């Protein structure tokens, strides 16, 4: 690894991104039942910005010759964030009412699970923290669905 970049620092950045993602989803989901569209949009954009540190982490991990999972697992989250950007912000397709919803949800859950996996592989306490924030976001999704009929 680059002498100026510590593996633990890169792993910490990925851990922070995984948990920010879960917390951003929590706020996005809670904003929907309360009609807070502006909050949803701002938090959604903040969520999309996670692609930057995750991409840097993937590049650093790959260039350092670290284990495959250190760059493959975050790539799934990066792919999800790019799909999210395209569907919700660039193309503005109402895909949640089409057959695109299921592949979108599959990629969403796969990306969240990959980040949980990364954090567990780095450290069990980090993994448990990420798992807790994931379940918090899942609870907000269930609440949103019960209130407005979609997550």
C-alpha atoms as a PDB file:
ATOM      1  CA  UNK A   1       0.000   0.000   0.000  1.00  0.00           C
ATOM      2  CA  UNK A   2       1.088   3.557  -0.564  1.00  0.00           C
ATOM      3  CA  UNK A   3       3.346   4.575   2.328  1.00  0.00           C
ATOM      4  CA  UNK A   4       1.078   7.550   3.010  1.00  0.00           C
ATOM      5  CA  UNK A   5      -2.112   5.471   3.212  1.00  0.00           C
ATOM      6  CA  UNK A   6      -2.792   3.095   6.049  1.00  0.00           C
ATOM      7  CA  UNK A   7      -5.025   0.044   5.413  1.00  0.00           C
ATOM      8  CA  UNK A   8      -6.837   0.690   8.673  1.00  0.00           C
ATOM      9  CA  UNK A   9      -7.637   4.226   7.522  1.00  0.00           C
ATOM     10  CA  UNK A  10      -9.101   2.927   4.247  1.00  0.00           C
ATOM     11  CA  UNK A  11     -11.156   0.347   6.172  1.00  0.00           C
ATOM     12  CA  UNK A  12     -12.360   3.061   8.540  1.00  0.00           C
ATOM     13  CA  UNK A  13     -13.498   5.175   5.580  1.00  0.00           C
ATOM     14  CA  UNK A  14     -15.451   2.211   4.161  1.00  0.00           C
ATOM     15  CA  UNK A  15     -16.961   1.537   7.612  1.00  0.00           C
ATOM     16  CA  UNK A  16     -18.040   5.178   7.912  1.00  0.00           C
ATOM     17  CA  UNK A  17     -19.508   5.155   4.392  1.00  0.00           C
ATOM     18  CA  UNK A  18     -21.452   1.937   5.076  1.00  0.00           C
ATOM     19  CA  UNK A  19     -22.983   3.411   8.205  1.00  0.00           C
ATOM     20  CA  UNK A  20     -23.667   6.802   6.655  1.00  0.00           C
ATOM     21  CA  UNK A  21     -25.437   4.995   3.819  1.00  0.00           C
ATOM     22  CA  UNK A  22     -27.672   3.168   6.303  1.00  0.00           C
ATOM     23  CA  UNK A  23     -28.381   6.340   8.262  1.00  0.00           C
ATOM     24  CA  UNK A  24     -29.086   8.329   5.098  1.00  0.00           C
ATOM     25  CA  UNK A  25     -31.574   5.639   4.034  1.00  0.00           C
ATOM     26  CA  UNK A  26     -33.157   5.931   7.504  1.00  0.00           C
ATOM     27  CA  UNK A  27     -33.693   9.680   7.013  1.00  0.00           C
ATOM     28  CA  UNK A  28     -34.868   9.275   3.417  1.00  0.00           C
ATOM     29  CA  UNK A  29     -37.442   6.692   4.453  1.00  0.00           C
ATOM     30  CA  UNK A  30     -38.696   8.770   7.368  1.00  0.00           C
ATOM     31  CA  UNK A  31     -38.967  11.881   5.208  1.00  0.00           C
ATOM     32  CA  UNK A  32     -41.481  10.207   2.866  1.00  0.00           C
ATOM     33  CA  UNK A  33     -44.389   9.649   5.286  1.00  0.00           C
ATOM     34  CA  UNK A  34     -43.987  13.177   6.595  1.00  0.00           C
ATOM     35  CA  UNK A  35     -43.919  14.758   3.132  1.00  0.00           C
ATOM     36  CA  UNK A  36     -40.438  16.224   3.540  1.00  0.00           C
ATOM     37  CA  UNK A  37     -39.430  16.072  -0.120  1.00  0.00           C
ATOM     38  CA  UNK A  38     -36.657  18.648   0.214  1.00  0.00           C
ATOM     39  CA  UNK A  39     -35.039  16.721   3.076  1.00  0.00           C
ATOM     40  CA  UNK A  40     -35.346  13.512   1.076  1.00  0.00           C
ATOM     41  CA  UNK A  41     -33.614  15.114  -1.895  1.00  0.00           C
ATOM     42  CA  UNK A  42     -30.784  16.677   0.140  1.00  0.00           C
ATOM     43  CA  UNK A  43     -30.086  13.461   2.034  1.00  0.00           C
ATOM     44  CA  UNK A  44     -30.345  11.511  -1.223  1.00  0.00           C
ATOM     45  CA  UNK A  45     -27.669  13.701  -2.786  1.00  0.00           C
ATOM     46  CA  UNK A  46     -25.457  13.310   0.291  1.00  0.00           C
ATOM     47  CA  UNK A  47     -25.919   9.566  -0.063  1.00  0.00           C
ATOM     48  CA  UNK A  48     -24.825   9.699  -3.697  1.00  0.00           C
ATOM     49  CA  UNK A  49     -21.653  11.546  -2.699  1.00  0.00           C
ATOM     50  CA  UNK A  50     -20.522   8.412  -0.860  1.00  0.00           C
ATOM     51  CA  UNK A  51     -19.458   7.127  -4.266  1.00  0.00           C
ATOM     52  CA  UNK A  52     -16.378   9.374  -4.047  1.00  0.00           C
ATOM     53  CA  UNK A  53     -14.709   8.007  -0.890  1.00  0.00           C
ATOM     54  CA  UNK A  54     -15.810   4.464  -1.773  1.00  0.00           C
ATOM     55  CA  UNK A  55     -14.224   4.713  -5.215  1.00  0.00           C
ATOM     56  CA  UNK A  56     -11.009   6.038  -3.703  1.00  0.00           C
ATOM     57  CA  UNK A  57     -11.017   3.181  -1.177  1.00  0.00           C
ATOM     58  CA  UNK A  58     -11.527   0.613  -3.953  1.00  0.00           C
ATOM     59  CA  UNK A  59      -8.654   2.060  -5.982  1.00  0.00           C
ATOM     60  CA  UNK A  60      -6.328   2.171  -2.965  1.00  0.00           C
ATOM     61  CA  UNK A  61      -7.227  -1.387  -1.952  1.00  0.00           C
ATOM     62  CA  UNK A  62      -6.785  -2.689  -5.502  1.00  0.00           C
ATOM     63  CA  UNK A  63      -3.471  -0.877  -6.032  1.00  0.00           C
ATOM     64  CA  UNK A  64      -2.203  -2.165  -2.696  1.00  0.00           C
ATOM     65  CA  UNK A  65      -2.883  -5.740  -3.756  1.00  0.00           C
ATOM     66  CA  UNK A  66      -5.205  -6.348  -0.837  1.00  0.00           C
ATOM     67  CA  UNK A  67      -7.604  -9.281  -0.744  1.00  0.00           C
ATOM     68  CA  UNK A  68     -10.257  -9.311  -3.474  1.00  0.00           C
ATOM     69  CA  UNK A  69     -13.114  -8.570  -1.082  1.00  0.00           C
ATOM     70  CA  UNK A  70     -11.623  -5.175  -0.124  1.00  0.00           C
ATOM     71  CA  UNK A  71     -12.378  -3.834  -3.586  1.00  0.00           C
ATOM     72  CA  UNK A  72     -15.150  -6.121  -4.887  1.00  0.00           C
ATOM     73  CA  UNK A  73     -17.576  -5.665  -1.978  1.00  0.00           C
ATOM     74  CA  UNK A  74     -17.578  -1.831  -2.109  1.00  0.00           C
ATOM     75  CA  UNK A  75     -17.937  -1.994  -5.911  1.00  0.00           C
ATOM     76  CA  UNK A  76     -21.470  -3.334  -5.437  1.00  0.00           C
ATOM     77  CA  UNK A  77     -22.358  -0.242  -3.385  1.00  0.00           C
ATOM     78  CA  UNK A  78     -20.745   1.982  -6.007  1.00  0.00           C
ATOM     79  CA  UNK A  79     -22.827   0.258  -8.697  1.00  0.00           C
ATOM     80  CA  UNK A  80     -25.994   0.823  -6.675  1.00  0.00           C
ATOM     81  CA  UNK A  81     -25.195   4.506  -6.145  1.00  0.00           C
ATOM     82  CA  UNK A  82     -24.586   4.973  -9.879  1.00  0.00           C
ATOM     83  CA  UNK A  83     -27.899   3.255 -10.713  1.00  0.00           C
ATOM     84  CA  UNK A  84     -29.624   5.448  -8.109  1.00  0.00           C
ATOM     85  CA  UNK A  85     -28.084   8.563  -9.652  1.00  0.00           C
ATOM     86  CA  UNK A  86     -29.202   7.579 -13.132  1.00  0.00           C
ATOM     87  CA  UNK A  87     -32.739   6.491 -12.280  1.00  0.00           C
ATOM     88  CA  UNK A  88     -33.732   9.081  -9.679  1.00  0.00           C
ATOM     89  CA  UNK A  89     -31.663  12.139 -10.577  1.00  0.00           C
ATOM     90  CA  UNK A  90     -30.581  12.026 -14.227  1.00  0.00           C
ATOM     91  CA  UNK A  91     -33.342  10.155 -16.060  1.00  0.00           C
ATOM     92  CA  UNK A  92     -35.959  10.771 -13.352  1.00  0.00           C
ATOM     93  CA  UNK A  93     -37.803   7.582 -14.272  1.00  0.00           C
ATOM     94  CA  UNK A  94     -40.702   6.578 -11.975  1.00  0.00           C
ATOM     95  CA  UNK A  95     -39.146   3.096 -11.914  1.00  0.00           C
ATOM     96  CA  UNK A  96     -40.665   2.141  -8.554  1.00  0.00           C
ATOM     97  CA  UNK A  97     -43.922   1.518 -10.434  1.00  0.00           C
ATOM     98  CA  UNK A  98     -42.306  -0.699 -13.091  1.00  0.00           C
ATOM     99  CA  UNK A  99     -40.541  -4.040 -13.403  1.00  0.00           C
ATOM    100  CA  UNK A 100     -37.265  -2.190 -12.769  1.00  0.00           C
ATOM    101  CA  UNK A 101     -38.121  -2.055  -9.070  1.00  0.00           C
ATOM    102  CA  UNK A 102     -37.116  -5.660  -8.356  1.00  0.00           C
ATOM    103  CA  UNK A 103     -33.607  -5.504  -9.885  1.00  0.00           C
ATOM    104  CA  UNK A 104     -33.154  -2.112  -8.200  1.00  0.00           C
ATOM    105  CA  UNK A 105     -34.133  -3.549  -4.797  1.00  0.00           C
ATOM    106  CA  UNK A 106     -31.949  -6.602  -5.351  1.00  0.00           C
ATOM    107  CA  UNK A 107     -28.956  -4.363  -6.050  1.00  0.00           C
ATOM    108  CA  UNK A 108     -29.822  -2.173  -3.050  1.00  0.00           C
ATOM    109  CA  UNK A 109     -29.996  -5.077  -0.590  1.00  0.00           C
ATOM    110  CA  UNK A 110     -26.976  -6.807  -2.104  1.00  0.00           C
ATOM    111  CA  UNK A 111     -24.943  -3.608  -1.763  1.00  0.00           C
ATOM    112  CA  UNK A 112     -26.018  -3.139   1.868  1.00  0.00           C
ATOM    113  CA  UNK A 113     -25.133  -6.759   2.679  1.00  0.00           C
ATOM    114  CA  UNK A 114     -21.759  -6.464   0.934  1.00  0.00           C
ATOM    115  CA  UNK A 115     -20.912  -3.489   3.107  1.00  0.00           C
ATOM    116  CA  UNK A 116     -21.977  -5.399   6.215  1.00  0.00           C
ATOM    117  CA  UNK A 117     -19.712  -8.210   5.046  1.00  0.00           C
ATOM    118  CA  UNK A 118     -16.782  -5.840   4.502  1.00  0.00           C
ATOM    119  CA  UNK A 119     -17.114  -4.356   7.962  1.00  0.00           C
ATOM    120  CA  UNK A 120     -17.369  -7.791   9.600  1.00  0.00           C
ATOM    121  CA  UNK A 121     -14.265  -8.939   7.719  1.00  0.00           C
ATOM    122  CA  UNK A 122     -12.404  -5.876   8.990  1.00  0.00           C
ATOM    123  CA  UNK A 123     -13.609  -6.098  12.584  1.00  0.00           C
ATOM    124  CA  UNK A 124     -16.469  -7.848  14.374  1.00  0.00           C
ATOM    125  CA  UNK A 125     -17.418  -4.731  16.396  1.00  0.00           C
ATOM    126  CA  UNK A 126     -17.499  -2.691  13.163  1.00  0.00           C
ATOM    127  CA  UNK A 127     -19.624  -5.379  11.565  1.00  0.00           C
ATOM    128  CA  UNK A 128     -22.118  -5.378  14.414  1.00  0.00           C
ATOM    129  CA  UNK A 129     -22.371  -1.587  14.341  1.00  0.00           C
ATOM    130  CA  UNK A 130     -23.036  -1.683  10.600  1.00  0.00           C
ATOM    131  CA  UNK A 131     -25.599  -4.445  11.088  1.00  0.00           C
ATOM    132  CA  UNK A 132     -27.405  -2.329  13.698  1.00  0.00           C
ATOM    133  CA  UNK A 133     -27.543   0.727  11.418  1.00  0.00           C
ATOM    134  CA  UNK A 134     -28.775  -1.532   8.605  1.00  0.00           C
ATOM    135  CA  UNK A 135     -31.639  -2.789  10.785  1.00  0.00           C
ATOM    136  CA  UNK A 136     -32.438   0.798  11.775  1.00  0.00           C
ATOM    137  CA  UNK A 137     -32.741   1.698   8.085  1.00  0.00           C
ATOM    138  CA  UNK A 138     -34.820  -1.421   7.493  1.00  0.00           C
ATOM    139  CA  UNK A 139     -37.209  -0.414  10.292  1.00  0.00           C
ATOM    140  CA  UNK A 140     -37.602   3.043   8.728  1.00  0.00           C
ATOM    141  CA  UNK A 141     -38.268   1.403   5.358  1.00  0.00           C
ATOM    142  CA  UNK A 142     -40.987  -0.777   6.900  1.00  0.00           C
ATOM    143  CA  UNK A 143     -42.525   2.257   8.575  1.00  0.00           C
ATOM    144  CA  UNK A 144     -42.457   4.255   5.338  1.00  0.00           C
ATOM    145  CA  UNK A 145     -44.056   1.364   3.464  1.00  0.00           C
ATOM    146  CA  UNK A 146     -46.806   1.070   6.067  1.00  0.00           C
ATOM    147  CA  UNK A 147     -47.564   4.784   5.792  1.00  0.00           C
ATOM    148  CA  UNK A 148     -47.235   5.610   2.101  1.00  0.00           C
ATOM    149  CA  UNK A 149     -47.204   2.228   0.401  1.00  0.00           C
ATOM    150  CA  UNK A 150     -43.627   2.359  -0.827  1.00  0.00           C
ATOM    151  CA  UNK A 151     -40.176   2.444   0.676  1.00  0.00           C
END
